[in-house]
C-alpha atoms as a PDB file:
ATOM      1  CA  MET A   1     111.749 138.339   2.906  1.00  0.00           C
ATOM      2  CA  LYS A   2     110.599 136.746   6.150  1.00  0.00           C
ATOM      3  CA  ARG A   3     112.116 133.207   6.852  1.00  0.00           C
ATOM      4  CA  ILE A   4     109.664 130.393   6.175  1.00  0.00           C
ATOM      5  CA  GLY A   5     108.898 127.510   8.465  1.00  0.00           C
ATOM      6  CA  LEU A   6     107.064 124.571   7.255  1.00  0.00           C
ATOM      7  CA  VAL A   7     105.812 121.579   9.437  1.00  0.00           C
ATOM      8  CA  GLY A   8     106.466 118.922   6.770  1.00  0.00           C
ATOM      9  CA  GLY A   9     106.493 115.100   6.646  1.00  0.00           C
ATOM     10  CA  LEU A  10     102.633 115.171   6.336  1.00  0.00           C
ATOM     11  CA  THR A  11     103.693 113.701   3.919  1.00  0.00           C
ATOM     12  CA  PRO A  12     107.049 114.091   2.563  1.00  0.00           C
ATOM     13  CA  GLU A  13     105.751 113.825  -0.990  1.00  0.00           C
ATOM     14  CA  SER A  14     103.674 117.053  -0.675  1.00  0.00           C
ATOM     15  CA  THR A  15     106.398 118.733   1.441  1.00  0.00           C
ATOM     16  CA  VAL A  16     108.610 118.581  -1.652  1.00  0.00           C
ATOM     17  CA  GLU A  17     105.888 120.205  -3.738  1.00  0.00           C
ATOM     18  CA  TYR A  18     105.599 123.090  -1.115  1.00  0.00           C
ATOM     19  CA  TYR A  19     109.459 123.667  -1.262  1.00  0.00           C
ATOM     20  CA  ARG A  20     109.438 123.418  -5.049  1.00  0.00           C
ATOM     21  CA  ALA A  21     106.544 125.958  -5.475  1.00  0.00           C
ATOM     22  CA  ILE A  22     107.835 128.495  -2.962  1.00  0.00           C
ATOM     23  CA  VAL A  23     111.351 128.365  -4.750  1.00  0.00           C
ATOM     24  CA  GLU A  24     109.720 128.835  -8.185  1.00  0.00           C
ATOM     25  CA  LEU A  25     107.501 131.723  -6.906  1.00  0.00           C
ATOM     26  CA  ASN A  26     110.672 133.464  -5.483  1.00  0.00           C
ATOM     27  CA  ARG A  27     112.622 132.990  -8.837  1.00  0.00           C
ATOM     28  CA  LYS A  28     109.922 134.889 -10.737  1.00  0.00           C
ATOM     29  CA  GLN A  29     110.399 138.021  -8.889  1.00  0.00           C
ATOM     30  CA  ALA A  30     113.999 137.711  -7.737  1.00  0.00           C
ATOM     31  CA  THR A  31     116.828 139.817  -9.299  1.00  0.00           C
ATOM     32  CA  SER A  32     118.985 136.774  -9.419  1.00  0.00           C
ATOM     33  CA  PRO A  33     117.962 133.157 -10.642  1.00  0.00           C
ATOM     34  CA  LEU A  34     120.307 131.814  -7.722  1.00  0.00           C
ATOM     35  CA  SER A  35     118.304 133.868  -5.274  1.00  0.00           C
ATOM     36  CA  ASN A  36     116.438 131.413  -2.864  1.00  0.00           C
ATOM     37  CA  PRO A  37     113.994 132.077   0.018  1.00  0.00           C
ATOM     38  CA  GLU A  38     115.142 130.926   3.264  1.00  0.00           C
ATOM     39  CA  ILE A  39     112.943 127.898   4.230  1.00  0.00           C
ATOM     40  CA  VAL A  40     113.122 125.824   7.414  1.00  0.00           C
ATOM     41  CA  ILE A  41     111.373 122.370   7.422  1.00  0.00           C
ATOM     42  CA  TYR A  42     110.476 120.345  10.548  1.00  0.00           C
ATOM     43  CA  SER A  43     109.546 117.036   9.169  1.00  0.00           C
ATOM     44  CA  VAL A  44     107.338 115.089  11.658  1.00  0.00           C
ATOM     45  CA  ASN A  45     106.767 111.344  12.066  1.00  0.00           C
ATOM     46  CA  LEU A  46     103.754 110.659  10.006  1.00  0.00           C
ATOM     47  CA  ALA A  47     103.242 107.167  11.440  1.00  0.00           C
ATOM     48  CA  GLU A  48     102.986 108.774  14.881  1.00  0.00           C
ATOM     49  CA  ILE A  49     100.529 111.283  13.722  1.00  0.00           C
ATOM     50  CA  VAL A  50      98.284 108.719  12.129  1.00  0.00           C
ATOM     51  CA  ARG A  51      98.223 106.476  15.222  1.00  0.00           C
ATOM     52  CA  ALA A  52      97.341 109.284  17.319  1.00  0.00           C
ATOM     53  CA  GLN A  53      94.592 110.335  14.970  1.00  0.00           C
ATOM     54  CA  ALA A  54      93.166 106.814  14.897  1.00  0.00           C
ATOM     55  CA  GLU A  55      93.237 106.688  18.754  1.00  0.00           C
ATOM     56  CA  GLY A  56      91.635 109.888  19.257  1.00  0.00           C
ATOM     57  CA  ARG A  57      94.576 111.429  21.088  1.00  0.00           C
ATOM     58  CA  GLU A  58      93.836 115.000  19.914  1.00  0.00           C
ATOM     59  CA  GLU A  59      95.738 116.734  22.756  1.00  0.00           C
ATOM     60  CA  GLN A  60      98.852 114.728  21.934  1.00  0.00           C
ATOM     61  CA  LEU A  61      98.484 115.588  18.244  1.00  0.00           C
ATOM     62  CA  VAL A  62      98.319 119.344  19.179  1.00  0.00           C
ATOM     63  CA  GLU A  63     101.493 119.023  21.285  1.00  0.00           C
ATOM     64  CA  ILE A  64     103.322 117.274  18.534  1.00  0.00           C
ATOM     65  CA  LEU A  65     102.518 120.020  16.236  1.00  0.00           C
ATOM     66  CA  LEU A  66     103.351 122.821  18.784  1.00  0.00           C
ATOM     67  CA  THR A  67     106.712 121.056  19.333  1.00  0.00           C
ATOM     68  CA  ALA A  68     107.426 121.356  15.488  1.00  0.00           C
ATOM     69  CA  LEU A  69     106.325 125.030  15.341  1.00  0.00           C
ATOM     70  CA  GLU A  70     108.418 125.850  18.399  1.00  0.00           C
ATOM     71  CA  GLY A  71     111.419 124.115  16.651  1.00  0.00           C
ATOM     72  CA  LEU A  72     110.696 126.304  13.639  1.00  0.00           C
ATOM     73  CA  ARG A  73     110.478 129.571  15.494  1.00  0.00           C
ATOM     74  CA  LEU A  74     113.832 128.711  17.395  1.00  0.00           C
ATOM     75  CA  ALA A  75     115.471 127.919  13.927  1.00  0.00           C
ATOM     76  CA  GLY A  76     114.617 131.524  12.890  1.00  0.00           C
ATOM     77  CA  ALA A  77     111.120 131.118  11.128  1.00  0.00           C
ATOM     78  CA  GLU A  78     109.208 134.208  11.028  1.00  0.00           C
ATOM     79  CA  ILE A  79     106.159 132.840   9.125  1.00  0.00           C
ATOM     80  CA  GLY A  80     104.844 129.239   9.623  1.00  0.00           C
ATOM     81  CA  ALA A  81     102.509 126.738   7.732  1.00  0.00           C
ATOM     82  CA  LEU A  82     101.261 123.198   8.127  1.00  0.00           C
ATOM     83  CA  THR A  83     101.891 121.319   4.923  1.00  0.00           C
ATOM     84  CA  ALA A  84      98.539 119.349   5.115  1.00  0.00           C
ATOM     85  CA  ASN A  85      94.843 119.731   5.312  1.00  0.00           C
ATOM     86  CA  THR A  86      93.796 117.471   8.134  1.00  0.00           C
ATOM     87  CA  PRO A  87      95.957 119.079  10.914  1.00  0.00           C
ATOM     88  CA  HIS A  88      93.993 122.248  10.319  1.00  0.00           C
ATOM     89  CA  LEU A  89      91.470 120.662  12.430  1.00  0.00           C
ATOM     90  CA  TYR A  90      93.579 121.928  15.350  1.00  0.00           C
ATOM     91  CA  PHE A  91      94.592 125.305  13.388  1.00  0.00           C
ATOM     92  CA  ASP A  92      92.726 127.617  16.052  1.00  0.00           C
ATOM     93  CA  ARG A  93      94.088 125.769  19.029  1.00  0.00           C
ATOM     94  CA  LEU A  94      97.651 126.003  17.656  1.00  0.00           C
ATOM     95  CA  VAL A  95      97.155 129.766  16.708  1.00  0.00           C
ATOM     96  CA  ALA A  96      96.314 130.357  20.350  1.00  0.00           C
ATOM     97  CA  ARG A  97      99.410 128.661  21.753  1.00  0.00           C
ATOM     98  CA  THR A  98     102.189 129.706  19.354  1.00  0.00           C
ATOM     99  CA  SER A  99     103.779 132.972  18.834  1.00  0.00           C
ATOM    100  CA  LEU A 100     104.652 131.946  15.130  1.00  0.00           C
ATOM    101  CA  PRO A 101     102.253 133.572  12.778  1.00  0.00           C
ATOM    102  CA  LEU A 102     100.518 130.850  10.601  1.00  0.00           C
ATOM    103  CA  VAL A 103      99.094 130.877   7.259  1.00  0.00           C
ATOM    104  CA  SER A 104      95.827 128.764   6.852  1.00  0.00           C
ATOM    105  CA  ILE A 105      95.302 126.431   3.958  1.00  0.00           C
ATOM    106  CA  LEU A 106      91.461 126.882   4.592  1.00  0.00           C
ATOM    107  CA  ASP A 107      91.671 130.527   3.894  1.00  0.00           C
ATOM    108  CA  ALA A 108      93.903 129.975   0.839  1.00  0.00           C
ATOM    109  CA  ALA A 109      91.427 127.451  -0.579  1.00  0.00           C
ATOM    110  CA  TYR A 110      88.343 129.658   0.142  1.00  0.00           C
ATOM    111  CA  GLU A 111      90.028 132.745  -1.641  1.00  0.00           C
ATOM    112  CA  LYS A 112      90.708 130.530  -4.742  1.00  0.00           C
ATOM    113  CA  ALA A 113      87.268 129.103  -4.844  1.00  0.00           C
ATOM    114  CA  VAL A 114      85.787 132.643  -4.571  1.00  0.00           C
ATOM    115  CA  SER A 115      88.107 133.791  -7.399  1.00  0.00           C
ATOM    116  CA  LEU A 116      86.924 130.918  -9.625  1.00  0.00           C
ATOM    117  CA  GLY A 117      83.283 131.831  -8.928  1.00  0.00           C
ATOM    118  CA  CYS A 118      82.328 128.523  -7.421  1.00  0.00           C
ATOM    119  CA  ARG A 119      78.927 128.084  -5.741  1.00  0.00           C
ATOM    120  CA  ARG A 120      79.057 124.277  -4.901  1.00  0.00           C
ATOM    121  CA  VAL A 121      82.333 122.341  -4.597  1.00  0.00           C
ATOM    122  CA  LEU A 122      83.187 118.625  -4.132  1.00  0.00           C
ATOM    123  CA  LEU A 123      85.589 118.143  -1.321  1.00  0.00           C
ATOM    124  CA  LEU A 124      88.174 115.247  -1.632  1.00  0.00           C
ATOM    125  CA  GLY A 125      90.529 114.523   1.247  1.00  0.00           C
ATOM    126  CA  THR A 126      91.313 112.270   4.100  1.00  0.00           C
ATOM    127  CA  ALA A 127      88.168 110.748   5.920  1.00  0.00           C
ATOM    128  CA  ARG A 128      88.816 113.173   8.882  1.00  0.00           C
ATOM    129  CA  THR A 129      88.976 116.067   6.495  1.00  0.00           C
ATOM    130  CA  MET A 130      85.826 115.120   4.476  1.00  0.00           C
ATOM    131  CA  ASP A 131      83.943 114.181   7.699  1.00  0.00           C
ATOM    132  CA  SER A 132      84.756 117.554   9.567  1.00  0.00           C
ATOM    133  CA  PRO A 133      82.895 120.788   9.336  1.00  0.00           C
ATOM    134  CA  MET A 134      86.057 122.794   8.590  1.00  0.00           C
ATOM    135  CA  TYR A 135      85.722 123.286   4.981  1.00  0.00           C
ATOM    136  CA  PRO A 136      81.914 123.747   4.939  1.00  0.00           C
ATOM    137  CA  LYS A 137      82.155 126.338   7.818  1.00  0.00           C
ATOM    138  CA  ARG A 138      84.945 128.222   6.201  1.00  0.00           C
ATOM    139  CA  PHE A 139      83.202 128.190   2.776  1.00  0.00           C
ATOM    140  CA  ALA A 140      79.883 129.198   4.183  1.00  0.00           C
ATOM    141  CA  ALA A 141      81.273 132.714   4.461  1.00  0.00           C
ATOM    142  CA  GLY A 142      81.138 133.051   0.652  1.00  0.00           C
ATOM    143  CA  SER A 143      77.784 130.926   0.571  1.00  0.00           C
ATOM    144  CA  ILE A 144      79.777 128.357  -1.246  1.00  0.00           C
ATOM    145  CA  GLU A 145      78.259 124.709  -0.618  1.00  0.00           C
ATOM    146  CA  VAL A 146      80.579 121.953   0.197  1.00  0.00           C
ATOM    147  CA  VAL A 147      79.574 118.433  -0.727  1.00  0.00           C
ATOM    148  CA  VAL A 148      81.566 115.146   0.009  1.00  0.00           C
ATOM    149  CA  PRO A 149      81.569 111.732  -1.873  1.00  0.00           C
ATOM    150  CA  ASP A 150      79.382 108.931  -0.375  1.00  0.00           C
ATOM    151  CA  GLU A 151      80.681 106.536   2.197  1.00  0.00           C
ATOM    152  CA  ARG A 152      82.089 104.067  -0.217  1.00  0.00           C
ATOM    153  CA  GLU A 153      83.854 106.771  -2.169  1.00  0.00           C
ATOM    154  CA  ARG A 154      85.304 108.549   1.060  1.00  0.00           C
ATOM    155  CA  GLU A 155      86.743 105.322   2.158  1.00  0.00           C
ATOM    156  CA  PHE A 156      88.221 104.640  -1.192  1.00  0.00           C
ATOM    157  CA  VAL A 157      89.764 108.260  -1.259  1.00  0.00           C
ATOM    158  CA  ASP A 158      91.283 107.884   2.357  1.00  0.00           C
ATOM    159  CA  ARG A 159      92.622 104.494   1.722  1.00  0.00           C
ATOM    160  CA  THR A 160      94.382 105.740  -1.547  1.00  0.00           C
ATOM    161  CA  ILE A 161      95.698 108.709   0.369  1.00  0.00           C
ATOM    162  CA  TYR A 162      97.420 106.670   2.965  1.00  0.00           C
ATOM    163  CA  GLY A 163      98.143 103.658   1.022  1.00  0.00           C
ATOM    164  CA  GLU A 164      99.448 105.122  -2.223  1.00  0.00           C
ATOM    165  CA  LEU A 165      99.841 108.681  -2.502  1.00  0.00           C
ATOM    166  CA  ALA A 166     101.409 109.119   0.770  1.00  0.00           C
ATOM    167  CA  ILE A 167     104.324 106.846  -0.336  1.00  0.00           C
ATOM    168  CA  GLY A 168     104.561 108.390  -3.795  1.00  0.00           C
ATOM    169  CA  LEU A 169     102.567 105.905  -5.686  1.00  0.00           C
ATOM    170  CA  THR A 170     100.395 107.441  -8.623  1.00  0.00           C
ATOM    171  CA  LYS A 171      98.746 104.779 -10.587  1.00  0.00           C
ATOM    172  CA  PRO A 172      96.702 105.455 -13.725  1.00  0.00           C
ATOM    173  CA  GLU A 173      93.939 103.254 -12.521  1.00  0.00           C
ATOM    174  CA  THR A 174      93.601 105.352  -9.307  1.00  0.00           C
ATOM    175  CA  ARG A 175      93.625 108.432 -11.334  1.00  0.00           C
ATOM    176  CA  ARG A 176      90.659 107.148 -13.564  1.00  0.00           C
ATOM    177  CA  ALA A 177      88.683 106.340 -10.402  1.00  0.00           C
ATOM    178  CA  PHE A 178      89.116 109.891  -8.976  1.00  0.00           C
ATOM    179  CA  VAL A 179      88.123 111.399 -12.105  1.00  0.00           C
ATOM    180  CA  GLU A 180      84.974 109.235 -12.211  1.00  0.00           C
ATOM    181  CA  ILE A 181      84.127 110.344  -8.795  1.00  0.00           C
ATOM    182  CA  CYS A 182      84.574 113.937  -9.608  1.00  0.00           C
ATOM    183  CA  GLU A 183      82.550 113.572 -12.828  1.00  0.00           C
ATOM    184  CA  ARG A 184      79.814 111.733 -11.148  1.00  0.00           C
ATOM    185  CA  HIS A 185      79.383 114.652  -8.653  1.00  0.00           C
ATOM    186  CA  VAL A 186      79.514 117.133 -11.481  1.00  0.00           C
ATOM    187  CA  LYS A 187      76.473 115.287 -13.044  1.00  0.00           C
ATOM    188  CA  HIS A 188      74.578 114.546 -10.040  1.00  0.00           C
ATOM    189  CA  ASP A 189      75.252 117.383  -7.588  1.00  0.00           C
ATOM    190  CA  LYS A 190      76.075 120.057 -10.256  1.00  0.00           C
ATOM    191  CA  VAL A 191      79.386 120.916  -8.525  1.00  0.00           C
ATOM    192  CA  ASP A 192      81.306 123.662 -10.287  1.00  0.00           C
ATOM    193  CA  GLY A 193      84.661 122.985  -8.669  1.00  0.00           C
ATOM    194  CA  VAL A 194      86.673 120.263  -6.944  1.00  0.00           C
ATOM    195  CA  VAL A 195      88.691 121.008  -3.786  1.00  0.00           C
ATOM    196  CA  LEU A 196      91.796 118.869  -3.538  1.00  0.00           C
ATOM    197  CA  GLY A 197      91.503 119.015   0.179  1.00  0.00           C
ATOM    198  CA  CYS A 198      94.546 116.685   0.637  1.00  0.00           C
ATOM    199  CA  THR A 199      98.075 118.079  -0.359  1.00  0.00           C
ATOM    200  CA  GLU A 200      98.946 114.639  -2.083  1.00  0.00           C
ATOM    201  CA  ILE A 201      95.918 114.634  -4.290  1.00  0.00           C
ATOM    202  CA  PRO A 202      97.513 117.109  -6.524  1.00  0.00           C
ATOM    203  CA  LEU A 203     100.211 114.522  -7.247  1.00  0.00           C
ATOM    204  CA  LEU A 204      97.473 112.435  -8.891  1.00  0.00           C
ATOM    205  CA  LEU A 205      94.939 115.040 -10.444  1.00  0.00           C
ATOM    206  CA  LYS A 206      95.947 118.069 -12.624  1.00  0.00           C
ATOM    207  CA  GLU A 207      93.897 120.924 -13.983  1.00  0.00           C
ATOM    208  CA  GLY A 208      92.159 119.516 -17.134  1.00  0.00           C
ATOM    209  CA  ASP A 209      91.799 116.151 -15.827  1.00  0.00           C
ATOM    210  CA  VAL A 210      88.260 116.942 -14.698  1.00  0.00           C
ATOM    211  CA  SER A 211      85.557 119.055 -16.482  1.00  0.00           C
ATOM    212  CA  VAL A 212      85.282 121.716 -13.600  1.00  0.00           C
ATOM    213  CA  PRO A 213      88.131 123.723 -12.039  1.00  0.00           C
ATOM    214  CA  LEU A 214      90.125 122.341  -9.331  1.00  0.00           C
ATOM    215  CA  VAL A 215      91.289 124.032  -6.114  1.00  0.00           C
ATOM    216  CA  ASP A 216      94.914 122.646  -5.607  1.00  0.00           C
ATOM    217  CA  THR A 217      95.484 123.290  -1.956  1.00  0.00           C
ATOM    218  CA  THR A 218      99.052 122.611  -2.065  1.00  0.00           C
ATOM    219  CA  ARG A 219      99.652 125.280  -4.814  1.00  0.00           C
ATOM    220  CA  VAL A 220      97.325 127.928  -3.310  1.00  0.00           C
ATOM    221  CA  HIS A 221      98.686 127.482   0.133  1.00  0.00           C
ATOM    222  CA  ALA A 222     102.224 127.695  -0.987  1.00  0.00           C
ATOM    223  CA  GLU A 223     101.301 130.986  -2.795  1.00  0.00           C
ATOM    224  CA  ALA A 224      99.694 132.284   0.330  1.00  0.00           C
ATOM    225  CA  VAL A 225     102.822 131.494   2.381  1.00  0.00           C
ATOM    226  CA  PHE A 226     105.124 133.180  -0.097  1.00  0.00           C
ATOM    227  CA  THR A 227     102.842 136.246  -0.158  1.00  0.00           C
ATOM    228  CA  ALA A 228     102.753 136.280   3.694  1.00  0.00           C
ATOM    229  CA  ALA A 229     106.504 135.979   3.769  1.00  0.00           C
ATOM    230  CA  SER A 230     107.027 138.556   1.159  1.00  0.00           C
ATOM    231  CA  THR A 231     104.930 141.219   3.050  1.00  0.00           C
ATOM    232  CA  LEU A 232     107.069 143.327   5.263  1.00  0.00           C
END
């Protein structure tokens, strides 16, 4: 099995979930329950990332992520992944400048949405993710329409991600508010799936909380990374 490299800290809360998911996937097929995959994690400073995003310093963001990827490669990683959705805004630029093969969270989410038979999905994530064309562009390959919450809801979701979920807070009232947003779009926009397009949102919402299927990008990305690492 290839050694896995994760760019983590985006946030630490979701990085832990990636690690746990990959270890669990490995145990299901390992000959020994003590057999663990080799995983290297490069945890970046999220505060630095957020500041650079807010100030529009995209090239600096790319350089920060490239430094992390190179660190993983030098540590022996043979397959890599960014453990967050928003940095995938720079995915193509990173792929062009690193020799470490990367697994895309967008591809993993798309494949899951297709397998669920989704035709129109609600996208929840950071403001930058929801405002960007990366999900609509990728999902268009399967004629899947992507809708986003209104401006007030987008501000609430973004504020919750950075103010609560990123530091490990999962409040019952916040969960109820997220469910209400989802159900409102199920009713008014006829969405048949919800993409949890931020790797912290699965800490808050679980399958069954909403009346339509959820695309848990943390889980499907971890599965895609494991599959890529398992392929010789």
